[in-house]
Protein backbone atom coordinates (compact mmCIF):
# COMPACT_ATOMS: atom_id res chain seq x y z
CA MET A 1 -16.62 17.90 22.75
CA LYS A 2 -13.83 16.22 20.79
CA LYS A 3 -12.89 18.25 17.73
CA PHE A 4 -9.72 18.40 15.71
CA THR A 5 -8.96 19.91 12.32
CA ILE A 6 -6.88 17.62 10.09
CA ALA A 7 -8.09 18.59 6.64
CA VAL A 8 -4.68 19.03 5.06
CA SER A 9 -3.32 15.76 6.42
CA LEU A 10 -6.40 13.80 5.45
CA ILE A 11 -6.32 15.14 1.91
CA ALA A 12 -2.76 13.89 1.58
CA PHE A 13 -3.73 10.56 3.15
CA ILE A 14 -6.67 10.04 0.80
CA ALA A 15 -4.51 10.88 -2.20
CA ALA A 16 -1.89 8.38 -1.15
CA SER A 17 -4.33 5.62 -0.20
CA CYS A 18 -6.84 5.85 -3.01
CA GLY A 19 -4.70 7.25 -5.76
CA GLY A 20 -6.21 9.21 -8.54
CA ASN A 21 -6.06 8.43 -12.19
CA ASN A 22 -2.53 9.76 -12.42
CA LYS A 23 -0.89 7.18 -14.65
CA GLN A 24 -0.77 9.83 -17.34
CA ASN A 25 2.07 11.32 -15.28
CA GLU A 26 4.27 8.61 -16.75
CA THR A 27 4.40 10.63 -19.97
CA LYS A 28 6.07 13.50 -18.09
CA SER A 29 9.27 11.72 -17.09
CA THR A 30 12.14 14.15 -16.67
CA ASN A 31 15.57 13.23 -18.00
CA GLN A 32 17.91 14.21 -15.19
CA ASN A 33 21.65 14.66 -15.70
CA SER A 34 23.79 12.56 -13.37
CA THR A 35 25.38 15.72 -11.96
CA GLN A 36 22.01 16.61 -10.46
CA GLN A 37 21.96 13.50 -8.32
CA THR A 38 22.14 14.06 -4.59
CA SER A 39 24.26 12.29 -2.03
CA GLY A 40 22.59 9.11 -0.77
CA SER A 41 20.31 8.78 -3.80
CA THR A 42 22.88 8.53 -6.58
CA SER A 43 22.59 5.34 -8.61
CA PRO A 44 26.12 3.97 -9.13
CA SER A 45 24.88 1.98 -12.12
CA GLY A 46 23.23 4.99 -13.76
CA LYS A 47 19.93 3.11 -13.66
CA ILE A 48 16.67 3.91 -11.90
CA ASP A 49 17.50 3.01 -8.29
CA PRO A 50 15.82 5.17 -5.60
CA PHE A 51 17.06 3.07 -2.66
CA ASN A 52 20.36 1.81 -4.04
CA ASP A 53 21.46 0.35 -0.69
CA PHE A 54 18.39 -1.88 -0.46
CA PRO A 55 18.99 -5.47 -1.64
CA LYS A 56 17.83 -6.27 -5.17
CA ASP A 57 16.61 -9.83 -4.65
CA ARG A 58 15.38 -11.88 -7.57
CA ILE A 59 11.61 -11.91 -8.03
CA SER A 60 9.31 -14.50 -9.57
CA SER A 61 7.09 -13.11 -12.32
CA ASN A 62 6.36 -14.09 -15.92
CA PRO A 63 6.08 -11.81 -18.97
CA GLY A 64 2.57 -10.39 -19.13
CA ASP A 65 1.87 -10.86 -15.43
CA TYR A 66 0.47 -7.96 -13.47
CA VAL A 67 2.79 -6.22 -11.04
CA LEU A 68 2.45 -3.17 -8.80
CA SER A 69 5.01 -0.38 -9.13
CA PRO A 70 5.07 3.44 -8.98
CA SER A 71 5.06 5.49 -12.15
CA LYS A 72 8.38 5.66 -13.98
CA ASN A 73 8.82 9.42 -13.57
CA TRP A 74 8.46 9.22 -9.79
CA GLN A 75 11.13 6.53 -9.62
CA GLU A 76 13.43 8.64 -11.79
CA ASP A 77 12.85 11.70 -9.62
CA ALA A 78 13.51 9.71 -6.46
CA THR A 79 16.78 8.43 -7.93
CA THR A 80 18.08 11.85 -8.88
CA LYS A 81 16.54 14.10 -6.23
CA GLY A 82 16.14 11.72 -3.30
CA ALA A 83 13.14 9.68 -2.23
CA ASN A 84 12.23 12.10 0.56
CA ASP A 85 11.04 14.59 -2.06
CA VAL A 86 8.70 12.14 -3.81
CA SER A 87 5.29 10.71 -2.91
CA PHE A 88 4.55 7.30 -4.41
CA ILE A 89 1.43 5.42 -5.45
CA PHE A 90 1.81 1.82 -6.59
CA TYR A 91 -0.11 1.25 -9.84
CA ASP A 92 -0.82 -1.87 -11.88
CA GLN A 93 1.82 -2.43 -14.56
CA LYS A 94 2.88 -5.44 -16.65
CA MET A 95 6.02 -7.52 -16.36
CA ALA A 96 8.13 -7.59 -19.54
CA GLU A 97 11.13 -9.59 -18.31
CA ALA A 98 12.15 -10.57 -14.78
CA GLY A 99 15.85 -10.32 -13.92
CA ASN A 100 18.16 -11.14 -11.03
CA GLU A 101 18.45 -7.56 -9.70
CA TYR A 102 16.59 -5.38 -12.20
CA SER A 103 13.50 -6.28 -14.21
CA LYS A 104 11.89 -4.77 -17.30
CA ILE A 105 8.41 -3.35 -16.82
CA ASP A 106 5.88 -2.27 -19.43
CA PHE A 107 4.53 1.03 -18.16
CA MET A 108 1.55 2.64 -19.87
CA ASN A 109 3.63 4.74 -22.26
CA ASP A 110 7.11 3.28 -21.79
CA LYS A 111 7.80 -0.35 -22.56
CA GLY A 112 10.66 -2.46 -21.26
CA VAL A 113 11.85 0.01 -18.63
CA GLU A 114 14.46 -1.47 -16.29
CA ILE A 115 13.84 -0.83 -12.59
CA PRO A 116 15.15 -2.46 -9.40
CA ASN A 117 13.30 -5.53 -8.19
CA TYR A 118 12.56 -3.98 -4.79
CA MET A 119 10.24 -1.47 -6.52
CA ILE A 120 8.12 -4.27 -7.98
CA ILE A 121 5.37 -6.24 -6.24
CA PRO A 122 4.45 -9.28 -8.36
CA ILE A 123 0.79 -10.28 -8.51
CA LYS A 124 0.60 -14.07 -8.54
CA SER A 125 -1.43 -15.30 -11.53
CA GLY A 126 -3.99 -18.10 -11.41
CA GLN A 127 -5.17 -17.45 -7.86
CA THR A 128 -8.61 -18.10 -6.46
CA ALA A 129 -10.17 -16.62 -3.33
CA LYS A 130 -12.96 -17.48 -0.93
CA LYS A 131 -15.28 -15.29 1.10
CA GLY A 132 -13.41 -13.55 3.90
CA ASP A 133 -10.00 -13.78 2.24
CA ILE A 134 -7.83 -10.66 2.18
CA VAL A 135 -6.28 -10.11 -1.25
CA LEU A 136 -3.71 -7.73 -2.69
CA THR A 137 -4.83 -5.98 -5.87
CA TRP A 138 -5.50 -2.46 -7.11
CA TRP A 139 -8.62 -0.31 -7.32
CA GLN A 140 -9.78 -1.59 -10.68
CA SER A 141 -12.31 1.14 -11.42
CA GLY A 142 -9.85 3.75 -10.16
CA SER A 143 -6.15 3.22 -9.50
CA GLY A 144 -3.64 2.44 -6.81
CA MET A 145 -2.64 -0.59 -4.73
CA GLN A 146 -5.33 -1.90 -2.41
CA ARG A 147 -6.02 -4.61 0.09
CA ALA A 148 -9.51 -5.97 -0.41
CA ILE A 149 -11.78 -8.42 1.37
CA VAL A 150 -13.76 -11.00 -0.59
CA VAL A 151 -17.53 -10.66 -0.03
CA ASP A 152 -18.72 -12.97 -2.83
CA ASP A 153 -16.85 -16.04 -4.07
CA LYS A 154 -19.32 -17.51 -6.57
CA ASN A 155 -16.52 -17.23 -9.11
CA PRO A 156 -13.32 -17.74 -7.08
CA SER A 157 -11.18 -16.57 -10.02
CA GLU A 158 -13.13 -13.28 -10.21
CA PRO A 159 -14.23 -12.57 -6.64
CA VAL A 160 -16.35 -9.62 -5.58
CA VAL A 161 -14.53 -7.48 -3.03
CA ASN A 162 -14.64 -4.36 -0.91
CA TYR A 163 -11.48 -2.24 -1.09
CA MET A 164 -10.33 -1.96 2.50
CA ASP A 165 -7.76 0.81 2.00
CA ILE A 166 -10.29 3.33 0.68
CA ASP A 167 -11.65 5.31 3.61
CA TRP A 168 -15.03 3.86 4.64
CA ASN A 169 -16.59 7.32 4.83
CA ASN A 170 -15.02 8.71 1.66
CA PRO A 171 -17.65 11.16 0.33
CA ALA A 172 -17.09 10.25 -3.33
CA LYS A 173 -19.74 7.93 -4.80
CA ASN A 174 -19.81 5.49 -7.69
CA ASP A 175 -22.35 5.54 -10.54
CA ASN A 176 -24.86 3.75 -8.34
CA GLY A 177 -24.63 6.36 -5.61
CA VAL A 178 -22.69 4.11 -3.22
CA GLY A 179 -19.71 5.55 -1.39
CA ILE A 180 -16.49 4.32 -2.95
CA GLY A 181 -15.28 3.07 0.43
CA GLN A 182 -18.39 0.93 0.82
CA GLN A 183 -18.85 -0.26 -2.75
CA THR A 184 -18.15 -3.78 -3.96
CA GLU A 185 -16.50 -4.64 -7.26
CA LYS A 186 -15.61 -7.77 -9.19
CA LEU A 187 -11.90 -8.33 -9.76
CA GLY A 188 -10.53 -9.50 -13.07
CA PRO A 189 -8.79 -12.87 -13.35
CA ASN A 190 -5.07 -12.97 -12.52
CA SER A 191 -5.33 -9.51 -10.95
CA PHE A 192 -5.00 -10.43 -7.27
CA HIS A 193 -3.42 -12.83 -4.86
CA VAL A 194 -4.41 -13.88 -1.38
CA ILE A 195 -2.45 -12.43 1.54
CA THR A 196 -1.83 -15.21 4.03
CA ALA A 197 0.88 -14.07 6.44
CA GLU A 198 2.54 -11.16 8.19
CA TRP A 199 5.45 -9.43 6.41
CA GLU A 200 3.97 -10.07 2.96
CA ALA A 201 3.79 -7.16 0.52
CA GLY A 202 0.67 -5.11 1.25
CA THR A 203 0.54 -5.92 4.95
CA THR A 204 0.97 -3.31 7.68
CA VAL A 205 3.78 -2.95 10.19
CA ALA A 206 4.13 -0.62 13.14
CA ALA A 207 7.54 0.96 12.60
CA LYS A 208 9.30 2.38 15.65
CA ASN A 209 10.00 6.11 15.33
CA GLY A 210 11.27 7.53 18.61
CA ASP A 211 8.43 7.19 21.11
CA ASP A 212 5.90 6.65 18.32
CA TYR A 213 5.01 3.87 15.92
CA ASN A 214 4.39 4.80 12.29
CA ALA A 215 1.90 2.81 10.23
CA ALA A 216 3.66 1.53 7.12
CA THR A 217 2.80 -0.83 4.27
CA VAL A 218 5.35 -3.52 3.51
CA ILE A 219 6.75 -3.34 -0.03
CA LYS A 220 9.76 -5.66 0.36
CA VAL A 221 11.49 -7.50 3.18
CA SER A 222 15.12 -8.49 2.62
CA GLY A 223 17.29 -9.75 5.45
CA ASP A 224 17.19 -7.22 8.26
CA LYS A 225 15.66 -4.42 6.15
CA VAL A 226 12.06 -3.52 5.31
CA LEU A 227 11.13 -1.17 2.46
CA THR A 228 7.81 0.48 3.25
CA LEU A 229 5.18 2.90 1.95
CA GLY A 230 3.94 5.25 4.64
CA PHE A 231 1.68 8.20 5.30
CA SER A 232 1.22 10.56 2.33
CA GLY A 233 2.94 8.08 0.02
CA LYS A 234 6.43 8.46 1.48
CA MET A 235 8.71 5.44 1.17
CA LYS A 236 11.27 4.56 3.83
CA VAL A 237 13.60 1.73 4.79
CA TYR A 238 13.37 0.49 8.39
CA ALA A 239 15.37 -2.07 10.33
CA LYS A 240 13.23 -5.18 10.62
CA ASN A 241 13.86 -5.25 14.37
CA ASP A 242 12.14 -1.85 14.62
CA CYS A 243 8.97 -3.13 12.94
CA THR A 244 6.08 -5.02 14.53
CA PRO A 245 3.96 -6.91 11.98
CA ILE A 246 0.18 -6.55 12.24
CA THR A 247 -2.02 -9.66 11.90
CA VAL A 248 -3.69 -9.91 8.48
CA LYS A 249 -7.13 -10.67 9.96
CA THR A 250 -7.85 -8.98 13.24
CA ASN A 251 -9.57 -10.83 16.07
CA VAL A 252 -10.96 -8.20 18.41
CA LYS A 253 -14.33 -7.60 20.02
CA VAL A 254 -16.41 -4.66 21.17
CA GLY A 255 -14.90 -3.04 24.24
CA ASP A 256 -11.31 -4.13 23.59
CA GLN A 257 -8.53 -1.57 23.93
CA VAL A 258 -6.49 -1.72 20.72
CA GLN A 259 -3.92 0.24 18.75
CA ALA A 260 -4.63 1.51 15.23
CA PRO A 261 -3.32 4.24 12.91
CA TRP A 262 -4.57 7.80 13.29
CA VAL A 263 -3.05 10.13 10.68
CA GLY A 264 -0.19 7.72 10.14
CA LYS A 265 0.69 7.00 13.79
CA PHE A 266 -0.65 4.28 16.08
CA LYS A 267 -2.92 5.41 18.92
CA THR A 268 -4.80 3.48 21.59
CA MET A 269 -8.56 3.36 21.06
CA LYS A 270 -11.57 1.28 22.12
CA VAL A 271 -13.48 -1.00 19.75
CA GLU A 272 -17.11 0.05 19.19
CA LYS A 273 -18.08 -2.28 16.34
CA VAL A 274 -16.61 -5.06 14.17
CA ASP A 275 -17.86 -5.88 10.65
CA THR A 276 -16.30 -9.19 9.60
CA LYS A 277 -17.96 -9.16 6.17
CA MET A 278 -16.43 -5.82 5.18
CA GLY A 279 -13.23 -6.28 7.18
CA ARG A 280 -13.57 -3.08 9.22
CA VAL A 281 -13.35 -2.05 12.86
CA TRP A 282 -15.10 1.00 14.33
CA LEU A 283 -13.06 2.72 17.04
CA ASP A 284 -13.67 5.49 19.54
CA ASP A 285 -11.71 8.28 17.85
CA PRO A 286 -10.08 10.37 20.61
CA TYR A 287 -10.01 13.44 18.36
CA SER A 288 -13.52 13.38 16.86
CA ASP A 289 -17.16 12.87 17.78
CA ASN A 290 -17.37 10.35 14.94
CA PRO A 291 -15.88 6.84 15.14
CA LEU A 292 -12.70 6.02 13.26
CA VAL A 293 -13.23 3.14 10.82
CA VAL A 294 -10.08 1.14 10.05
CA PRO A 295 -9.48 -2.03 8.03
CA PHE A 296 -8.56 -5.44 9.32
CA GLY A 297 -4.79 -5.67 9.19
CA ASP A 298 -4.35 -2.25 10.78
CA VAL A 299 -5.53 -3.18 14.28
CA THR A 300 -3.35 -4.72 16.98
CA THR A 301 -3.08 -5.09 20.73
CA GLY A 302 0.65 -5.67 20.92
CA LEU A 303 2.17 -2.17 20.99
CA ASN A 304 3.55 -0.53 24.10
CA LEU A 305 2.50 3.05 23.47
CA LYS A 306 3.50 5.83 25.85
């Protein structure tokens, strides 16, 4: 019988994927003296800059537009202490003023804070979506960046979606008694944009790590570098050549041998079921008697796993 205890890892995974209502942490920002900065994470400009070697490309976003970015205090801590010591969740924030390298963001309790453009994911305003589209948004009755699949497009500007990055079998339930991984919710206008291609923010890549491939969410691609958000909310820069992009909408069938993330690393598994409406694939979990349910965009057949 296949059994494996992963409680601690899964708790960290759920926290990173689903968030919690932690935006109040922004009020606890710590003012660090520059002498406390560590080698490799020091910001030469004295500004918030957790990955100061990553290119700060200009972004397109208008004042008042939604963006996704981690809480201010986490970005400060990552700048002074090093990003390895910080776990990140990308929350909805508002753009104050877009700049060439740094932009000003209105956080919940701190307005006009200047942060590097690579830590900002703009949400394109004025978008519409149709049934089956994958969109980038946030959990609007909770918190935290999410991919979602459109299940109802009667109002294309306010589609009804299922949040694909909340675990399908999450035991928490909404007010109607529906599991939060299986619930549907209407998105507000200008709060999402449709993901159409590999390498876009919010998509998954398989990042080479020795003999393994780590599952990582794309935050920014610039030249030959990819800034990612990985397991347990850890951010890391990979060489683009070490990353394999995963198709946004999977096209697999029952019985196929595929690769998908298990506790942050890609493993080979067999497809047991595909739900195109909810954008999920049921896999034969090699470490459990229960199937592993993963979202479209996390399933591939192109990895050479050992």
